[in-house]
Amino acid sequence: MYDVIIIGAGPGGLTAGLYAGRFRMKTLILEKTAVGGQIITSATIENYPGFPGGISSFELMRRMVDQAKEAGAQIESAQVTGLETDSSQAEYPFKVKTAERDFSAKSVIVASGAQWKRLGIPGEEKFVGRGVSFCATCDAPFFRNKEVVVVGGGDKAIEEAIFLTAYAAKVTVIHRRKELRAAEILQEKAKANPRISFFLDSVVEEISGENKVAAVKVKNVLTGVSGSIACQGVFIFVGIKPCADFLKKQLATDAAGFIITDDKMICSIDGVFACGDCRAKNLYQVVTACGDAAQAAFSAHNYLLHGK
């Protein structure tokens, strides 16, 4: 029986475990895959405070694991399949269901993260962390004076394309439609930037290279003509999907499936909290996931003490 069960062992889940442990809550963190979350697909993180010059993502996550365990959090490998509530169980009203067994808890923090949508093309998974990225804010400094491709035409894609011009020598935006979907003001800024060019009515069919990205194969969807663009980086911004489907029947979510919380990380069910990338918000970064998580643990502790 646990005071709190945390679903997910990425930066948010581990930070929640650290804070919950320091509150002397009996804490269990459940993670279905590798501890560390999506960030470990990037070799280095340069924008996490306290590490000038950056730190290995693996090393940062290892330190977070050690710190959470030092605080008393227990970490187990299990895929959570659902959450049940039973108001008749006054002390332990939550049952966290996994494929192997069920766990009981007084409160729950959901830190299950999100996944960037993939293109599903050859070379995409092979070169993740070796030229393929889903976060310009995280990885742009690795592409100083290089040529990169941005795939997508929404606000996120164009914002990141503009951001990349502070580092890359050339940014090519590839979008499958004739018109971009981004806000007009973003389009104006991008089109006025001499470092940005556009391939519209086009899709990326393949990402190629030896040990790292060297080029993309692009096809015009109107003419069917294919060609190649040399580049050292491919930034893919075709949407983000929260890893929260297993809770969609229990918790309120927005149209995209992200869990809705208030500023205290409280969900639509009393005693359930959410933090990090699975939560509806504006900025998806390690540092914001950690901030969310500290608040979620604080709110869970308050809930156990005062019922609110």
Protein backbone atom coordinates (compact mmCIF):
# COMPACT_ATOMS: atom_id res chain seq x y z
CA MET A 1 0.00 0.00 0.00
CA TYR A 2 1.42 3.37 -1.06
CA ASP A 3 0.80 7.00 -0.20
CA VAL A 4 1.36 7.88 -3.84
CA ILE A 5 1.94 5.97 -7.05
CA ILE A 6 3.66 7.86 -9.86
CA ILE A 7 3.02 6.66 -13.41
CA GLY A 8 6.14 7.30 -15.50
CA ALA A 9 9.85 7.64 -14.72
CA GLY A 10 10.88 10.48 -17.00
CA PRO A 11 12.12 13.80 -15.60
CA GLY A 12 8.63 14.62 -14.30
CA GLY A 13 8.03 11.28 -12.63
CA LEU A 14 11.48 11.15 -11.06
CA THR A 15 11.19 14.71 -9.73
CA ALA A 16 7.75 13.92 -8.31
CA GLY A 17 9.31 10.86 -6.67
CA LEU A 18 12.08 12.97 -5.18
CA TYR A 19 9.67 15.49 -3.68
CA ALA A 20 7.18 12.87 -2.52
CA GLY A 21 9.99 10.95 -0.84
CA ARG A 22 11.19 14.08 0.91
CA PHE A 23 7.64 14.59 2.16
CA ARG A 24 8.04 11.12 3.72
CA MET A 25 5.33 9.68 1.52
CA LYS A 26 5.60 5.99 0.73
CA THR A 27 6.23 6.30 -3.01
CA LEU A 28 6.20 3.92 -5.96
CA ILE A 29 7.20 4.93 -9.49
CA LEU A 30 6.04 2.66 -12.32
CA GLU A 31 7.75 2.84 -15.73
CA LYS A 32 6.81 0.72 -18.74
CA THR A 33 10.05 1.14 -20.73
CA ALA A 34 13.41 2.75 -20.03
CA VAL A 35 13.78 5.02 -17.04
CA GLY A 36 14.44 8.56 -18.23
CA GLY A 37 11.68 9.07 -20.76
CA GLN A 38 12.02 10.65 -24.19
CA ILE A 39 14.97 12.83 -23.27
CA ILE A 40 17.36 9.87 -23.38
CA THR A 41 16.89 9.75 -27.18
CA SER A 42 18.97 12.96 -27.26
CA ALA A 43 22.64 12.49 -26.51
CA THR A 44 23.07 15.76 -24.62
CA ILE A 45 20.88 18.35 -22.95
CA GLU A 46 22.32 21.87 -22.96
CA ASN A 47 19.45 23.92 -21.50
CA TYR A 48 18.93 22.27 -18.13
CA PRO A 49 20.03 24.73 -15.40
CA GLY A 50 23.24 24.06 -13.54
CA PHE A 51 25.25 22.37 -16.28
CA PRO A 52 27.18 24.91 -18.37
CA GLY A 53 28.22 23.27 -21.61
CA GLY A 54 25.50 20.66 -21.23
CA ILE A 55 25.30 17.22 -19.70
CA SER A 56 24.73 13.75 -21.14
CA SER A 57 20.99 13.03 -21.06
CA PHE A 58 21.73 9.54 -19.76
CA GLU A 59 23.90 10.96 -16.98
CA LEU A 60 21.26 13.53 -15.98
CA MET A 61 18.59 10.84 -15.79
CA ARG A 62 20.92 8.54 -13.83
CA ARG A 63 21.42 11.29 -11.27
CA MET A 64 17.67 11.90 -11.06
CA VAL A 65 17.09 8.17 -10.47
CA ASP A 66 19.72 8.08 -7.72
CA GLN A 67 18.27 11.19 -6.08
CA ALA A 68 14.71 9.84 -6.14
CA LYS A 69 15.88 6.56 -4.62
CA GLU A 70 17.89 8.40 -1.95
CA ALA A 71 14.67 10.15 -0.95
CA GLY A 72 12.98 6.77 -0.54
CA ALA A 73 11.10 6.33 -3.82
CA GLN A 74 10.76 2.78 -5.12
CA ILE A 75 10.97 2.24 -8.90
CA GLU A 76 9.49 -0.79 -10.65
CA SER A 77 9.14 -1.82 -14.28
CA ALA A 78 5.46 -2.23 -15.20
CA GLN A 79 3.10 -0.98 -17.87
CA VAL A 80 0.07 0.71 -16.36
CA THR A 81 -3.11 -0.30 -18.18
CA GLY A 82 -5.71 1.59 -16.19
CA LEU A 83 -6.80 3.34 -13.03
CA GLU A 84 -9.77 2.40 -10.87
CA THR A 85 -11.29 4.34 -8.02
CA ASP A 86 -13.29 2.89 -5.17
CA SER A 87 -14.74 5.44 -2.76
CA SER A 88 -15.66 2.62 -0.37
CA GLN A 89 -11.94 2.15 0.25
CA ALA A 90 -11.48 5.22 2.39
CA GLU A 91 -7.77 4.75 3.06
CA TYR A 92 -6.57 3.42 -0.31
CA PRO A 93 -9.17 4.46 -2.91
CA PHE A 94 -6.98 4.09 -6.01
CA LYS A 95 -6.11 0.88 -7.79
CA VAL A 96 -3.38 1.22 -10.42
CA LYS A 97 -3.71 -1.68 -12.82
CA THR A 98 -0.79 -3.24 -14.69
CA ALA A 99 -0.45 -6.34 -16.84
CA GLU A 100 1.18 -8.27 -13.98
CA ARG A 101 -0.66 -7.07 -10.87
CA ASP A 102 -2.59 -4.24 -9.27
CA PHE A 103 -1.21 -1.65 -6.83
CA SER A 104 -3.18 0.32 -4.22
CA ALA A 105 -2.53 3.94 -3.31
CA LYS A 106 -3.94 6.91 -1.45
CA SER A 107 -3.09 9.25 -4.36
CA VAL A 108 -1.77 9.08 -7.93
CA ILE A 109 0.51 11.33 -9.99
CA VAL A 110 0.40 10.78 -13.75
CA ALA A 111 3.73 11.56 -15.41
CA SER A 112 3.37 9.33 -18.46
CA GLY A 113 4.80 11.85 -20.92
CA ALA A 114 4.12 12.25 -24.61
CA GLN A 115 5.58 11.18 -27.93
CA TRP A 116 6.37 13.29 -30.94
CA LYS A 117 4.44 11.98 -33.91
CA ARG A 118 6.60 10.18 -36.44
CA LEU A 119 6.61 10.30 -40.23
CA GLY A 120 7.02 6.55 -40.45
CA ILE A 121 9.65 6.69 -43.19
CA PRO A 122 12.94 4.82 -43.73
CA GLY A 123 15.83 6.28 -41.74
CA GLU A 124 13.67 8.18 -39.24
CA GLU A 125 14.18 5.91 -36.23
CA LYS A 126 17.71 4.94 -37.28
CA PHE A 127 18.96 8.52 -37.06
CA VAL A 128 17.14 9.70 -33.91
CA GLY A 129 19.88 11.37 -31.88
CA ARG A 130 22.19 11.34 -34.93
CA GLY A 131 20.62 14.14 -36.90
CA VAL A 132 16.90 13.49 -36.45
CA SER A 133 15.36 15.61 -33.71
CA PHE A 134 11.93 16.57 -32.43
CA CYS A 135 13.06 19.59 -30.42
CA ALA A 136 14.92 22.57 -31.87
CA THR A 137 15.03 24.26 -28.45
CA CYS A 138 16.93 21.22 -27.18
CA ASP A 139 19.21 20.44 -30.10
CA ALA A 140 19.71 23.55 -32.26
CA PRO A 141 23.20 24.32 -30.85
CA PHE A 142 24.47 21.01 -32.29
CA PHE A 143 23.76 22.33 -35.80
CA ARG A 144 25.78 25.53 -35.84
CA ASN A 145 26.60 26.58 -39.41
CA LYS A 146 24.99 23.41 -40.81
CA GLU A 147 22.08 22.89 -43.18
CA VAL A 148 18.91 21.46 -41.71
CA VAL A 149 15.40 20.49 -42.78
CA VAL A 150 12.20 21.21 -40.86
CA VAL A 151 9.21 18.99 -41.63
CA GLY A 152 5.79 20.52 -40.91
CA GLY A 153 3.79 23.65 -41.55
CA GLY A 154 2.04 24.50 -38.27
CA ASP A 155 2.91 27.05 -35.62
CA LYS A 156 5.39 24.74 -33.89
CA ALA A 157 7.25 23.93 -37.11
CA ILE A 158 7.58 27.55 -38.19
CA GLU A 159 8.48 28.80 -34.72
CA GLU A 160 11.24 26.21 -34.52
CA ALA A 161 12.43 26.96 -38.06
CA ILE A 162 12.85 30.62 -37.09
CA PHE A 163 14.61 29.59 -33.88
CA LEU A 164 17.00 27.34 -35.82
CA THR A 165 18.21 30.25 -37.97
CA ALA A 166 20.11 31.54 -34.92
CA TYR A 167 22.36 28.50 -35.34
CA ALA A 168 22.01 26.79 -38.72
CA ALA A 169 23.39 28.22 -41.95
CA LYS A 170 20.28 27.20 -43.87
CA VAL A 171 16.81 25.95 -42.91
CA THR A 172 14.55 24.27 -45.47
CA VAL A 173 10.88 23.91 -44.50
CA ILE A 174 9.09 20.98 -46.15
CA HIS A 175 5.29 20.91 -45.98
CA ARG A 176 2.86 18.58 -47.69
CA ARG A 177 0.32 21.30 -48.57
CA LYS A 178 0.45 24.40 -50.75
CA GLU A 179 -0.20 26.70 -47.81
CA LEU A 180 1.37 26.68 -44.36
CA ARG A 181 -0.97 26.24 -41.38
CA ALA A 182 1.02 28.52 -39.07
CA ALA A 183 -0.27 31.89 -37.89
CA GLU A 184 0.14 34.61 -40.49
CA ILE A 185 2.59 36.59 -38.38
CA LEU A 186 4.86 33.54 -38.10
CA GLN A 187 4.67 32.95 -41.83
CA GLU A 188 5.63 36.57 -42.48
CA LYS A 189 8.65 36.31 -40.20
CA ALA A 190 9.77 33.03 -41.73
CA LYS A 191 9.37 34.20 -45.33
CA ALA A 192 11.31 37.37 -44.55
CA ASN A 193 14.22 35.40 -43.09
CA PRO A 194 16.96 34.90 -45.71
CA ARG A 195 18.10 31.65 -44.10
CA ILE A 196 14.72 29.93 -44.59
CA SER A 197 13.52 28.38 -47.85
CA PHE A 198 10.37 26.37 -48.55
CA PHE A 199 9.46 23.15 -50.33
CA LEU A 200 5.64 23.14 -50.42
CA ASP A 201 3.32 20.44 -51.78
CA SER A 202 6.12 18.08 -50.80
CA VAL A 203 6.73 15.15 -48.45
CA VAL A 204 9.88 13.55 -47.10
CA GLU A 205 10.08 9.92 -48.23
CA GLU A 206 13.40 8.87 -46.71
CA ILE A 207 16.23 10.08 -44.49
CA SER A 208 19.64 8.79 -45.54
CA GLY A 209 23.26 8.78 -44.44
CA GLU A 210 25.95 6.51 -43.05
CA ASN A 211 26.45 7.10 -39.32
CA LYS A 212 24.49 10.35 -39.30
CA VAL A 213 22.02 12.27 -41.46
CA ALA A 214 23.36 13.34 -44.86
CA ALA A 215 20.25 13.94 -47.00
CA VAL A 216 16.50 13.58 -47.34
CA LYS A 217 14.53 12.29 -50.32
CA VAL A 218 11.64 14.62 -51.13
CA LYS A 219 8.67 14.06 -53.45
CA ASN A 220 6.34 16.69 -54.88
CA VAL A 221 2.82 15.38 -54.24
CA LEU A 222 1.39 17.15 -57.32
CA THR A 223 3.94 16.15 -59.94
CA GLY A 224 5.28 12.95 -58.35
CA VAL A 225 8.82 14.12 -59.05
CA SER A 226 11.38 13.15 -56.40
CA GLY A 227 14.66 14.77 -55.51
CA SER A 228 17.28 14.93 -52.77
CA ILE A 229 18.19 17.70 -50.35
CA ALA A 230 21.58 17.55 -48.64
CA CYS A 231 21.38 18.32 -44.92
CA GLN A 232 22.93 17.40 -41.59
CA GLY A 233 19.77 17.61 -39.51
CA VAL A 234 16.06 16.83 -39.80
CA PHE A 235 13.65 18.41 -37.34
CA ILE A 236 10.19 16.83 -37.39
CA PHE A 237 7.21 18.81 -36.11
CA VAL A 238 4.05 17.06 -37.23
CA GLY A 239 2.36 16.96 -33.84
CA ILE A 240 2.70 15.51 -30.36
CA LYS A 241 0.63 12.71 -28.85
CA PRO A 242 0.23 12.32 -25.08
CA CYS A 243 0.78 8.87 -23.59
CA ALA A 244 -2.52 9.01 -21.73
CA ASP A 245 -4.92 6.81 -23.70
CA PHE A 246 -5.08 4.33 -20.83
CA LEU A 247 -6.68 7.05 -18.66
CA LYS A 248 -9.00 8.75 -21.14
CA LYS A 249 -12.11 7.19 -19.61
CA GLN A 250 -11.21 8.35 -16.11
CA LEU A 251 -9.66 11.82 -16.50
CA ALA A 252 -10.78 14.95 -18.33
CA THR A 253 -8.63 15.65 -21.38
CA ASP A 254 -8.56 18.26 -24.12
CA ALA A 255 -9.34 17.59 -27.79
CA ALA A 256 -5.82 16.28 -28.39
CA GLY A 257 -5.92 13.90 -25.43
CA PHE A 258 -3.74 15.88 -23.01
CA ILE A 259 -4.78 15.68 -19.35
CA ILE A 260 -6.43 18.85 -18.06
CA THR A 261 -5.21 20.17 -14.70
CA ASP A 262 -5.33 23.42 -12.81
CA ASP A 263 -2.19 25.30 -11.79
CA LYS A 264 -1.81 23.00 -8.78
CA MET A 265 -1.65 19.97 -11.14
CA ILE A 266 -5.01 18.71 -9.83
CA CYS A 267 -6.96 16.53 -12.28
CA SER A 268 -10.70 16.00 -12.63
CA ILE A 269 -10.65 13.30 -9.92
CA ASP A 270 -9.75 14.27 -6.36
CA GLY A 271 -6.46 12.69 -5.38
CA VAL A 272 -5.16 12.38 -8.93
CA PHE A 273 -2.53 14.80 -10.25
CA ALA A 274 -0.63 15.13 -13.53
CA CYS A 275 2.69 16.66 -14.51
CA GLY A 276 5.02 16.94 -17.49
CA ASP A 277 4.31 16.33 -21.15
CA CYS A 278 1.07 14.38 -20.65
CA ARG A 279 -0.51 17.57 -19.28
CA ALA A 280 -2.14 20.24 -21.43
CA LYS A 281 0.28 23.20 -21.51
CA ASN A 282 2.36 25.39 -23.82
CA LEU A 283 6.00 24.43 -23.32
CA TYR A 284 7.31 20.87 -23.38
CA GLN A 285 10.76 20.87 -21.79
CA VAL A 286 12.59 18.90 -19.12
CA VAL A 287 12.72 21.92 -16.83
CA THR A 288 8.95 22.55 -17.09
CA ALA A 289 8.23 18.87 -16.43
CA CYS A 290 10.30 19.10 -13.26
CA GLY A 291 8.50 22.26 -12.15
CA ASP A 292 5.13 20.61 -12.75
CA ALA A 293 6.27 17.57 -10.79
CA ALA A 294 7.35 19.50 -7.71
CA GLN A 295 3.93 21.14 -7.60
CA ALA A 296 2.14 17.81 -8.18
CA ALA A 297 3.97 16.17 -5.27
CA PHE A 298 3.24 19.17 -3.05
CA SER A 299 -0.45 18.99 -3.99
CA ALA A 300 -0.55 15.24 -3.37
CA HIS A 301 1.00 15.76 0.06
CA ASN A 302 -1.58 18.44 0.85
CA TYR A 303 -4.33 16.10 -0.30
CA LEU A 304 -3.17 13.40 2.10
CA LEU A 305 -2.96 15.86 4.97
CA HIS A 306 -6.10 17.87 4.37
CA GLY A 307 -8.11 16.10 1.69
CA LYS A 308 -7.62 18.96 -0.78
